[in-house]
Amino acid sequence: MPAEWKLTVRRKAEHRRSGRRRVVGTYQVFHNGQPVPGLSGMSVESPGPGDNSRAGYRRCIAPGLYGLATHDGERYCTIGYTANTNPAALPRPGLLVTATGERDTILVHPGRGFLASVGCLNLTRPLWGGDDDMDFVESRTRVIALIEHMRACLAERFPGENGQEIPRAVIEIV
């Protein structure tokens, strides 16, 4: 059965700052194959090349098509995240990327600063170079918009609890 809801991430470039690196790209949400206005922006990940062969790799995941699930963690979750916008408040909103080989707990979650990930994907406004930082509240708003749009599109198929696969929803890394 084809995906009804898809998040596509297209990697574009690498930013550097003081010896640190990050991969930046664009993202777009599609519903039934059509781009969803307002659900697009930039993505930020750990540096490449992408590789799923080792756990704890601190690199971006390999290009491919992956499933999505509600996440049930202490720091990030899909259902029941805090309303508090303080970056220290837990749990923050996030989605789990599934079928990532030896890599585990790869999430789509809010970012802040230069890079807020050890392999996950952060969503943000346009960043023009290595000196630009992600704003946590702005990034958080983008992640929540994804979750809420997916919940509305999938209706009763969207899980009612964390730790469940999200049917007919995928993320494509290009």
N, C-alpha and C. Protein backbone atom coordinates (compact mmCIF):
# COMPACT_ATOMS: atom_id res chain seq x y z
N MET A 1 0.85 -1.18 0.00
CA MET A 1 0.00 0.00 0.00
C MET A 1 0.89 1.25 0.00
N PRO A 2 0.64 2.21 -0.88
CA PRO A 2 1.50 3.40 -0.97
C PRO A 2 1.33 4.30 0.26
N ALA A 3 2.35 5.12 0.48
CA ALA A 3 2.30 6.06 1.59
C ALA A 3 1.26 7.14 1.31
N GLU A 4 0.50 7.47 2.31
CA GLU A 4 -0.47 8.55 2.21
C GLU A 4 0.17 9.87 2.64
N TRP A 5 1.13 9.78 3.58
CA TRP A 5 1.79 10.96 4.14
C TRP A 5 3.30 10.73 4.04
N LYS A 6 4.02 11.70 3.45
CA LYS A 6 5.46 11.54 3.26
C LYS A 6 6.20 12.83 3.58
N LEU A 7 7.28 12.69 4.32
CA LEU A 7 8.22 13.78 4.58
C LEU A 7 9.44 13.50 3.73
N THR A 8 9.75 14.38 2.78
CA THR A 8 10.93 14.22 1.93
C THR A 8 12.00 15.22 2.36
N VAL A 9 13.21 14.70 2.60
CA VAL A 9 14.36 15.52 2.97
C VAL A 9 15.38 15.41 1.84
N ARG A 10 15.76 16.53 1.28
CA ARG A 10 16.76 16.58 0.20
C ARG A 10 18.01 17.27 0.73
N ARG A 11 19.06 16.49 0.91
CA ARG A 11 20.32 17.04 1.41
C ARG A 11 20.96 17.91 0.33
N LYS A 12 21.48 19.07 0.75
CA LYS A 12 21.99 20.04 -0.22
C LYS A 12 23.45 20.41 -0.02
N ALA A 13 23.88 20.60 1.23
CA ALA A 13 25.21 21.17 1.46
C ALA A 13 25.70 20.84 2.86
N GLU A 14 26.91 21.24 3.13
CA GLU A 14 27.48 21.09 4.46
C GLU A 14 27.90 22.46 4.96
N HIS A 15 27.56 22.76 6.20
CA HIS A 15 28.00 23.99 6.86
C HIS A 15 29.10 23.64 7.86
N ARG A 16 30.02 24.55 8.04
CA ARG A 16 31.10 24.36 9.01
C ARG A 16 31.20 25.57 9.92
N ARG A 17 31.58 25.29 11.18
CA ARG A 17 31.84 26.35 12.15
C ARG A 17 32.80 25.82 13.20
N SER A 18 33.92 26.46 13.34
CA SER A 18 34.89 26.13 14.39
C SER A 18 35.17 24.63 14.48
N GLY A 19 35.42 24.00 13.35
CA GLY A 19 35.73 22.58 13.33
C GLY A 19 34.52 21.66 13.39
N ARG A 20 33.34 22.21 13.55
CA ARG A 20 32.11 21.40 13.57
C ARG A 20 31.49 21.40 12.18
N ARG A 21 30.71 20.35 11.88
CA ARG A 21 30.06 20.22 10.58
C ARG A 21 28.60 19.80 10.76
N ARG A 22 27.78 20.22 9.81
CA ARG A 22 26.39 19.78 9.76
C ARG A 22 25.95 19.70 8.30
N VAL A 23 25.06 18.76 8.01
CA VAL A 23 24.46 18.64 6.70
C VAL A 23 23.14 19.40 6.72
N VAL A 24 22.93 20.24 5.73
CA VAL A 24 21.68 20.99 5.62
C VAL A 24 20.98 20.60 4.32
N GLY A 25 19.68 20.68 4.36
CA GLY A 25 18.88 20.37 3.19
C GLY A 25 17.53 21.03 3.29
N THR A 26 16.63 20.59 2.45
CA THR A 26 15.27 21.10 2.49
C THR A 26 14.33 19.95 2.83
N TYR A 27 13.17 20.29 3.36
CA TYR A 27 12.15 19.28 3.59
C TYR A 27 10.81 19.77 3.05
N GLN A 28 9.99 18.81 2.66
CA GLN A 28 8.64 19.09 2.18
C GLN A 28 7.74 17.93 2.58
N VAL A 29 6.56 18.23 3.08
CA VAL A 29 5.56 17.21 3.39
C VAL A 29 4.64 17.05 2.19
N PHE A 30 4.29 15.79 1.89
CA PHE A 30 3.35 15.47 0.83
C PHE A 30 2.20 14.67 1.42
N HIS A 31 0.99 14.99 0.97
CA HIS A 31 -0.19 14.21 1.35
C HIS A 31 -0.82 13.71 0.07
N ASN A 32 -0.96 12.40 -0.06
CA ASN A 32 -1.47 11.78 -1.28
C ASN A 32 -0.73 12.27 -2.52
N GLY A 33 0.59 12.42 -2.39
CA GLY A 33 1.44 12.80 -3.51
C GLY A 33 1.51 14.28 -3.81
N GLN A 34 0.75 15.09 -3.11
CA GLN A 34 0.72 16.53 -3.35
C GLN A 34 1.47 17.28 -2.25
N PRO A 35 2.32 18.27 -2.61
CA PRO A 35 3.01 19.05 -1.59
C PRO A 35 2.01 19.82 -0.72
N VAL A 36 2.29 19.86 0.57
CA VAL A 36 1.42 20.56 1.51
C VAL A 36 1.99 21.95 1.75
N PRO A 37 1.25 22.99 1.36
CA PRO A 37 1.73 24.35 1.59
C PRO A 37 1.99 24.61 3.07
N GLY A 38 3.10 25.28 3.36
CA GLY A 38 3.43 25.65 4.73
C GLY A 38 4.17 24.57 5.51
N LEU A 39 4.26 23.35 4.98
CA LEU A 39 4.98 22.29 5.68
C LEU A 39 6.26 21.98 4.91
N SER A 40 7.13 22.97 4.90
CA SER A 40 8.42 22.85 4.22
C SER A 40 9.41 23.78 4.92
N GLY A 41 10.67 23.56 4.65
CA GLY A 41 11.71 24.40 5.25
C GLY A 41 13.06 23.76 5.08
N MET A 42 13.93 23.97 6.05
CA MET A 42 15.27 23.39 6.03
C MET A 42 15.39 22.29 7.05
N SER A 43 16.29 21.36 6.75
CA SER A 43 16.61 20.28 7.68
C SER A 43 18.08 20.39 8.05
N VAL A 44 18.40 19.95 9.25
CA VAL A 44 19.78 19.95 9.74
C VAL A 44 20.06 18.57 10.32
N GLU A 45 21.21 18.01 9.96
CA GLU A 45 21.60 16.68 10.43
C GLU A 45 23.08 16.67 10.78
N SER A 46 23.49 15.61 11.43
CA SER A 46 24.91 15.38 11.67
C SER A 46 25.60 15.22 10.32
N PRO A 47 26.92 15.36 10.29
CA PRO A 47 27.63 15.28 9.01
C PRO A 47 27.56 13.90 8.38
N GLY A 48 27.84 13.85 7.08
CA GLY A 48 27.84 12.61 6.31
C GLY A 48 29.23 12.04 6.22
N PRO A 49 29.40 10.97 5.49
CA PRO A 49 28.37 10.35 4.66
C PRO A 49 27.40 9.52 5.49
N GLY A 50 26.19 9.35 4.97
CA GLY A 50 25.17 8.57 5.66
C GLY A 50 25.56 7.10 5.74
N ASP A 51 25.29 6.49 6.88
CA ASP A 51 25.65 5.09 7.09
C ASP A 51 24.78 4.52 8.19
N ASN A 52 24.19 3.35 7.93
CA ASN A 52 23.33 2.69 8.92
C ASN A 52 23.97 1.43 9.47
N SER A 53 25.25 1.19 9.20
CA SER A 53 25.86 -0.09 9.54
C SER A 53 26.35 -0.20 10.98
N ARG A 54 26.48 0.92 11.69
CA ARG A 54 26.99 0.86 13.06
C ARG A 54 26.12 1.69 13.99
N ALA A 55 25.86 1.17 15.16
CA ALA A 55 25.12 1.92 16.19
C ALA A 55 26.01 3.02 16.74
N GLY A 56 25.40 4.12 17.17
CA GLY A 56 26.14 5.20 17.80
C GLY A 56 27.12 5.89 16.88
N TYR A 57 26.82 5.96 15.60
CA TYR A 57 27.78 6.42 14.59
C TYR A 57 27.98 7.93 14.56
N ARG A 58 27.05 8.73 15.05
CA ARG A 58 27.13 10.19 15.04
C ARG A 58 27.26 10.77 13.63
N ARG A 59 26.60 10.13 12.70
CA ARG A 59 26.54 10.59 11.32
C ARG A 59 25.08 10.57 10.89
N CYS A 60 24.79 11.19 9.76
CA CYS A 60 23.42 11.12 9.24
C CYS A 60 23.13 9.71 8.74
N ILE A 61 21.86 9.38 8.67
CA ILE A 61 21.48 8.05 8.19
C ILE A 61 21.63 8.01 6.66
N ALA A 62 21.71 6.81 6.14
CA ALA A 62 21.87 6.61 4.70
C ALA A 62 20.62 7.08 3.96
N PRO A 63 20.77 7.57 2.73
CA PRO A 63 19.60 7.90 1.93
C PRO A 63 18.70 6.67 1.78
N GLY A 64 17.40 6.90 1.73
CA GLY A 64 16.46 5.79 1.56
C GLY A 64 15.07 6.16 2.02
N LEU A 65 14.20 5.18 1.99
CA LEU A 65 12.81 5.33 2.41
C LEU A 65 12.64 4.58 3.73
N TYR A 66 12.13 5.27 4.75
CA TYR A 66 12.00 4.71 6.09
C TYR A 66 10.57 4.90 6.59
N GLY A 67 10.18 4.03 7.51
CA GLY A 67 8.90 4.17 8.18
C GLY A 67 8.98 5.20 9.30
N LEU A 68 7.83 5.53 9.85
CA LEU A 68 7.75 6.45 10.98
C LEU A 68 6.92 5.80 12.09
N ALA A 69 7.21 6.17 13.32
CA ALA A 69 6.48 5.66 14.47
C ALA A 69 6.35 6.77 15.50
N THR A 70 5.37 6.62 16.38
CA THR A 70 5.30 7.51 17.53
C THR A 70 6.43 7.11 18.47
N HIS A 71 7.08 8.11 19.05
CA HIS A 71 8.22 7.82 19.92
C HIS A 71 7.79 7.90 21.38
N ASP A 72 8.37 7.01 22.17
CA ASP A 72 8.04 6.91 23.60
C ASP A 72 9.33 7.02 24.39
N GLY A 73 9.84 8.23 24.53
CA GLY A 73 11.08 8.43 25.26
C GLY A 73 10.92 9.45 26.37
N GLU A 74 11.92 9.52 27.24
CA GLU A 74 11.89 10.49 28.32
C GLU A 74 12.19 11.90 27.83
N ARG A 75 13.04 12.02 26.80
CA ARG A 75 13.42 13.34 26.29
C ARG A 75 12.54 13.81 25.13
N TYR A 76 12.06 12.85 24.33
CA TYR A 76 11.21 13.16 23.18
C TYR A 76 10.07 12.16 23.11
N CYS A 77 8.88 12.64 22.71
CA CYS A 77 7.75 11.75 22.47
C CYS A 77 6.82 12.41 21.45
N THR A 78 5.96 11.61 20.88
CA THR A 78 5.03 12.11 19.86
C THR A 78 3.71 12.53 20.48
N ILE A 79 3.25 11.79 21.44
CA ILE A 79 1.99 12.07 22.11
C ILE A 79 2.30 12.39 23.57
N GLY A 80 1.84 13.56 24.02
CA GLY A 80 2.05 13.93 25.42
C GLY A 80 3.31 14.74 25.69
N TYR A 81 3.88 15.37 24.66
CA TYR A 81 5.04 16.24 24.90
C TYR A 81 4.59 17.48 25.67
N THR A 82 5.53 18.13 26.33
CA THR A 82 5.21 19.28 27.15
C THR A 82 4.75 20.47 26.32
N ALA A 83 3.88 21.28 26.89
CA ALA A 83 3.46 22.53 26.26
C ALA A 83 4.48 23.64 26.53
N ASN A 84 5.38 23.41 27.46
CA ASN A 84 6.39 24.39 27.84
C ASN A 84 7.40 24.54 26.70
N THR A 85 7.66 25.77 26.25
CA THR A 85 8.57 26.01 25.13
C THR A 85 10.02 26.22 25.56
N ASN A 86 10.30 26.10 26.85
CA ASN A 86 11.68 26.18 27.32
C ASN A 86 12.44 24.96 26.78
N PRO A 87 13.60 25.15 26.14
CA PRO A 87 14.34 24.01 25.59
C PRO A 87 14.70 22.95 26.62
N ALA A 88 14.75 23.31 27.89
CA ALA A 88 15.09 22.34 28.94
C ALA A 88 13.89 21.52 29.39
N ALA A 89 12.67 21.96 29.05
CA ALA A 89 11.46 21.26 29.48
C ALA A 89 11.30 19.95 28.70
N LEU A 90 10.96 18.91 29.42
CA LEU A 90 10.83 17.57 28.83
C LEU A 90 9.44 17.01 29.08
N PRO A 91 8.98 16.11 28.21
CA PRO A 91 9.57 15.69 26.95
C PRO A 91 9.22 16.66 25.82
N ARG A 92 10.14 16.77 24.87
CA ARG A 92 9.96 17.60 23.68
C ARG A 92 9.27 16.76 22.59
N PRO A 93 8.67 17.43 21.57
CA PRO A 93 8.00 16.68 20.51
C PRO A 93 9.00 16.01 19.56
N GLY A 94 8.64 14.82 19.08
CA GLY A 94 9.50 14.12 18.12
C GLY A 94 8.80 12.92 17.50
N LEU A 95 9.31 12.51 16.35
CA LEU A 95 8.85 11.32 15.63
C LEU A 95 10.01 10.37 15.48
N LEU A 96 9.76 9.07 15.55
CA LEU A 96 10.79 8.06 15.41
C LEU A 96 10.88 7.58 13.96
N VAL A 97 12.11 7.54 13.42
CA VAL A 97 12.36 6.98 12.10
C VAL A 97 12.66 5.50 12.31
N THR A 98 11.99 4.62 11.55
CA THR A 98 12.14 3.18 11.77
C THR A 98 12.91 2.52 10.62
N ALA A 99 13.31 1.27 10.86
CA ALA A 99 14.01 0.45 9.87
C ALA A 99 15.33 1.09 9.43
N THR A 100 16.11 1.55 10.42
CA THR A 100 17.38 2.24 10.14
C THR A 100 18.59 1.34 10.33
N GLY A 101 18.43 0.05 10.16
CA GLY A 101 19.55 -0.88 10.27
C GLY A 101 20.07 -0.94 11.69
N GLU A 102 21.38 -0.85 11.85
CA GLU A 102 22.01 -0.90 13.17
C GLU A 102 21.82 0.38 13.96
N ARG A 103 21.39 1.43 13.30
CA ARG A 103 21.14 2.70 13.97
C ARG A 103 19.80 2.62 14.69
N ASP A 104 19.72 3.21 15.87
CA ASP A 104 18.44 3.23 16.57
C ASP A 104 18.19 4.62 17.14
N THR A 105 16.96 4.86 17.47
CA THR A 105 16.48 6.11 18.04
C THR A 105 16.88 7.31 17.17
N ILE A 106 16.68 7.16 15.87
CA ILE A 106 16.84 8.29 14.95
C ILE A 106 15.49 9.00 14.94
N LEU A 107 15.50 10.27 15.30
CA LEU A 107 14.27 11.03 15.46
C LEU A 107 14.23 12.24 14.54
N VAL A 108 13.03 12.73 14.29
CA VAL A 108 12.80 14.07 13.77
C VAL A 108 12.38 14.87 14.99
N HIS A 109 13.18 15.86 15.38
CA HIS A 109 12.90 16.61 16.61
C HIS A 109 13.39 18.04 16.49
N PRO A 110 12.96 18.93 17.39
CA PRO A 110 13.40 20.32 17.34
C PRO A 110 14.90 20.44 17.57
N GLY A 111 15.48 21.46 16.95
CA GLY A 111 16.89 21.73 17.15
C GLY A 111 17.10 23.13 17.69
N ARG A 112 18.32 23.38 18.10
CA ARG A 112 18.71 24.74 18.52
C ARG A 112 20.21 24.85 18.36
N GLY A 113 20.66 26.07 18.16
CA GLY A 113 22.08 26.30 17.98
C GLY A 113 22.56 25.81 16.62
N PHE A 114 23.84 25.48 16.53
CA PHE A 114 24.44 25.04 15.28
C PHE A 114 23.96 23.65 14.89
N LEU A 115 23.94 22.71 15.85
CA LEU A 115 23.54 21.33 15.60
C LEU A 115 23.04 20.73 16.90
N ALA A 116 21.85 20.13 16.87
CA ALA A 116 21.27 19.55 18.07
C ALA A 116 20.99 18.07 17.83
N SER A 117 21.98 17.35 17.32
CA SER A 117 21.72 15.99 16.89
C SER A 117 22.98 15.15 16.91
N VAL A 118 22.81 13.86 17.15
CA VAL A 118 23.90 12.90 17.00
C VAL A 118 23.49 11.86 15.97
N GLY A 119 22.69 12.27 15.00
CA GLY A 119 22.21 11.38 13.95
C GLY A 119 20.77 11.65 13.57
N CYS A 120 20.08 12.46 14.35
CA CYS A 120 18.67 12.77 14.10
C CYS A 120 18.52 13.90 13.10
N LEU A 121 17.29 14.27 12.81
CA LEU A 121 16.97 15.35 11.89
C LEU A 121 16.27 16.46 12.65
N ASN A 122 16.74 17.69 12.46
CA ASN A 122 16.11 18.87 13.03
C ASN A 122 15.49 19.68 11.90
N LEU A 123 14.33 20.27 12.15
CA LEU A 123 13.64 21.10 11.16
C LEU A 123 13.77 22.56 11.56
N THR A 124 13.94 23.44 10.57
CA THR A 124 14.18 24.84 10.87
C THR A 124 13.82 25.75 9.71
N ARG A 125 13.92 27.03 9.96
CA ARG A 125 13.80 28.06 8.93
C ARG A 125 15.07 28.02 8.09
N PRO A 126 15.12 28.79 6.99
CA PRO A 126 16.35 28.81 6.20
C PRO A 126 17.56 29.28 7.02
N LEU A 127 18.65 28.57 6.86
CA LEU A 127 19.93 28.92 7.47
C LEU A 127 20.89 29.23 6.32
N TRP A 128 21.51 30.39 6.35
CA TRP A 128 22.28 30.86 5.19
C TRP A 128 23.75 30.48 5.25
N GLY A 129 24.20 29.93 6.34
CA GLY A 129 25.60 29.51 6.44
C GLY A 129 25.90 29.00 7.83
N GLY A 130 27.16 28.68 8.06
CA GLY A 130 27.59 28.11 9.33
C GLY A 130 27.42 29.01 10.53
N ASP A 131 27.27 30.30 10.31
CA ASP A 131 27.09 31.23 11.43
C ASP A 131 25.65 31.33 11.89
N ASP A 132 24.70 30.82 11.09
CA ASP A 132 23.28 30.85 11.46
C ASP A 132 22.96 29.72 12.42
N ASP A 133 22.17 30.02 13.44
CA ASP A 133 21.74 29.03 14.42
C ASP A 133 20.25 28.73 14.27
N MET A 134 19.86 27.53 14.66
CA MET A 134 18.45 27.19 14.74
C MET A 134 17.87 27.82 16.01
N ASP A 135 16.63 28.26 15.91
CA ASP A 135 15.89 28.78 17.05
C ASP A 135 14.98 27.67 17.57
N PHE A 136 15.09 27.32 18.84
CA PHE A 136 14.35 26.17 19.38
C PHE A 136 12.85 26.32 19.22
N VAL A 137 12.28 27.46 19.60
CA VAL A 137 10.82 27.61 19.56
C VAL A 137 10.32 27.51 18.12
N GLU A 138 11.03 28.11 17.19
CA GLU A 138 10.66 28.04 15.77
C GLU A 138 10.74 26.61 15.26
N SER A 139 11.80 25.90 15.61
CA SER A 139 11.98 24.51 15.20
C SER A 139 10.91 23.62 15.83
N ARG A 140 10.63 23.84 17.09
CA ARG A 140 9.60 23.08 17.81
C ARG A 140 8.25 23.22 17.12
N THR A 141 7.92 24.44 16.71
CA THR A 141 6.66 24.71 16.03
C THR A 141 6.56 23.89 14.74
N ARG A 142 7.66 23.76 14.02
CA ARG A 142 7.68 22.98 12.77
C ARG A 142 7.44 21.49 13.03
N VAL A 143 8.07 20.95 14.06
CA VAL A 143 7.89 19.52 14.38
C VAL A 143 6.45 19.26 14.81
N ILE A 144 5.90 20.12 15.64
CA ILE A 144 4.51 19.96 16.07
C ILE A 144 3.57 20.04 14.87
N ALA A 145 3.84 20.95 13.93
CA ALA A 145 3.00 21.07 12.73
C ALA A 145 3.00 19.76 11.93
N LEU A 146 4.17 19.09 11.84
CA LEU A 146 4.22 17.78 11.16
C LEU A 146 3.34 16.76 11.87
N ILE A 147 3.52 16.67 13.17
CA ILE A 147 2.75 15.69 13.95
C ILE A 147 1.25 15.94 13.82
N GLU A 148 0.84 17.18 13.96
CA GLU A 148 -0.59 17.51 13.92
C GLU A 148 -1.17 17.30 12.53
N HIS A 149 -0.40 17.63 11.48
CA HIS A 149 -0.89 17.40 10.12
C HIS A 149 -1.04 15.91 9.85
N MET A 150 -0.07 15.13 10.28
CA MET A 150 -0.14 13.68 10.10
C MET A 150 -1.34 13.11 10.84
N ARG A 151 -1.55 13.56 12.06
CA ARG A 151 -2.69 13.09 12.86
C ARG A 151 -4.01 13.41 12.14
N ALA A 152 -4.12 14.60 11.58
CA ALA A 152 -5.35 15.00 10.88
C ALA A 152 -5.54 14.20 9.59
N CYS A 153 -4.47 13.99 8.83
CA CYS A 153 -4.57 13.26 7.56
C CYS A 153 -4.89 11.79 7.76
N LEU A 154 -4.25 11.18 8.74
CA LEU A 154 -4.41 9.74 8.93
C LEU A 154 -5.60 9.39 9.82
N ALA A 155 -6.12 10.38 10.51
CA ALA A 155 -7.32 10.22 11.35
C ALA A 155 -7.21 9.00 12.26
N GLU A 156 -8.16 8.06 12.16
CA GLU A 156 -8.18 6.91 13.08
C GLU A 156 -6.99 5.97 12.89
N ARG A 157 -6.28 6.09 11.78
CA ARG A 157 -5.08 5.25 11.58
C ARG A 157 -3.88 5.76 12.38
N PHE A 158 -3.92 7.02 12.83
CA PHE A 158 -2.82 7.55 13.63
C PHE A 158 -2.90 6.90 15.02
N PRO A 159 -1.77 6.36 15.50
CA PRO A 159 -1.80 5.65 16.79
C PRO A 159 -2.28 6.54 17.94
N GLY A 160 -2.91 5.91 18.90
CA GLY A 160 -3.40 6.61 20.07
C GLY A 160 -2.41 6.63 21.22
N GLU A 161 -1.26 5.97 21.03
CA GLU A 161 -0.24 5.95 22.09
C GLU A 161 1.14 5.93 21.46
N ASN A 162 2.12 6.23 22.27
CA ASN A 162 3.51 6.23 21.83
C ASN A 162 4.04 4.81 21.68
N GLY A 163 5.09 4.68 20.88
CA GLY A 163 5.72 3.38 20.68
C GLY A 163 5.04 2.53 19.63
N GLN A 164 4.30 3.16 18.72
CA GLN A 164 3.55 2.43 17.69
C GLN A 164 3.96 2.89 16.29
N GLU A 165 4.00 1.95 15.35
CA GLU A 165 4.22 2.30 13.95
C GLU A 165 3.09 3.20 13.47
N ILE A 166 3.42 4.14 12.57
CA ILE A 166 2.40 5.01 11.97
C ILE A 166 2.14 4.47 10.56
N PRO A 167 1.00 3.84 10.34
CA PRO A 167 0.74 3.24 9.03
C PRO A 167 0.61 4.30 7.94
N ARG A 168 1.12 3.94 6.75
CA ARG A 168 1.02 4.78 5.56
C ARG A 168 1.72 6.13 5.68
N ALA A 169 2.72 6.20 6.58
CA ALA A 169 3.53 7.41 6.73
C ALA A 169 5.00 7.03 6.60
N VAL A 170 5.75 7.80 5.80
CA VAL A 170 7.17 7.51 5.56
C VAL A 170 7.98 8.79 5.54
N ILE A 171 9.29 8.60 5.65
CA ILE A 171 10.25 9.68 5.44
C ILE A 171 11.21 9.20 4.37
N GLU A 172 11.45 10.05 3.38
CA GLU A 172 12.37 9.74 2.30
C GLU A 172 13.56 10.68 2.39
N ILE A 173 14.75 10.10 2.47
CA ILE A 173 15.99 10.88 2.52
C ILE A 173 16.65 10.78 1.16
N VAL A 174 16.86 11.90 0.50
CA VAL A 174 17.44 11.95 -0.84
C VAL A 174 18.79 12.65 -0.78
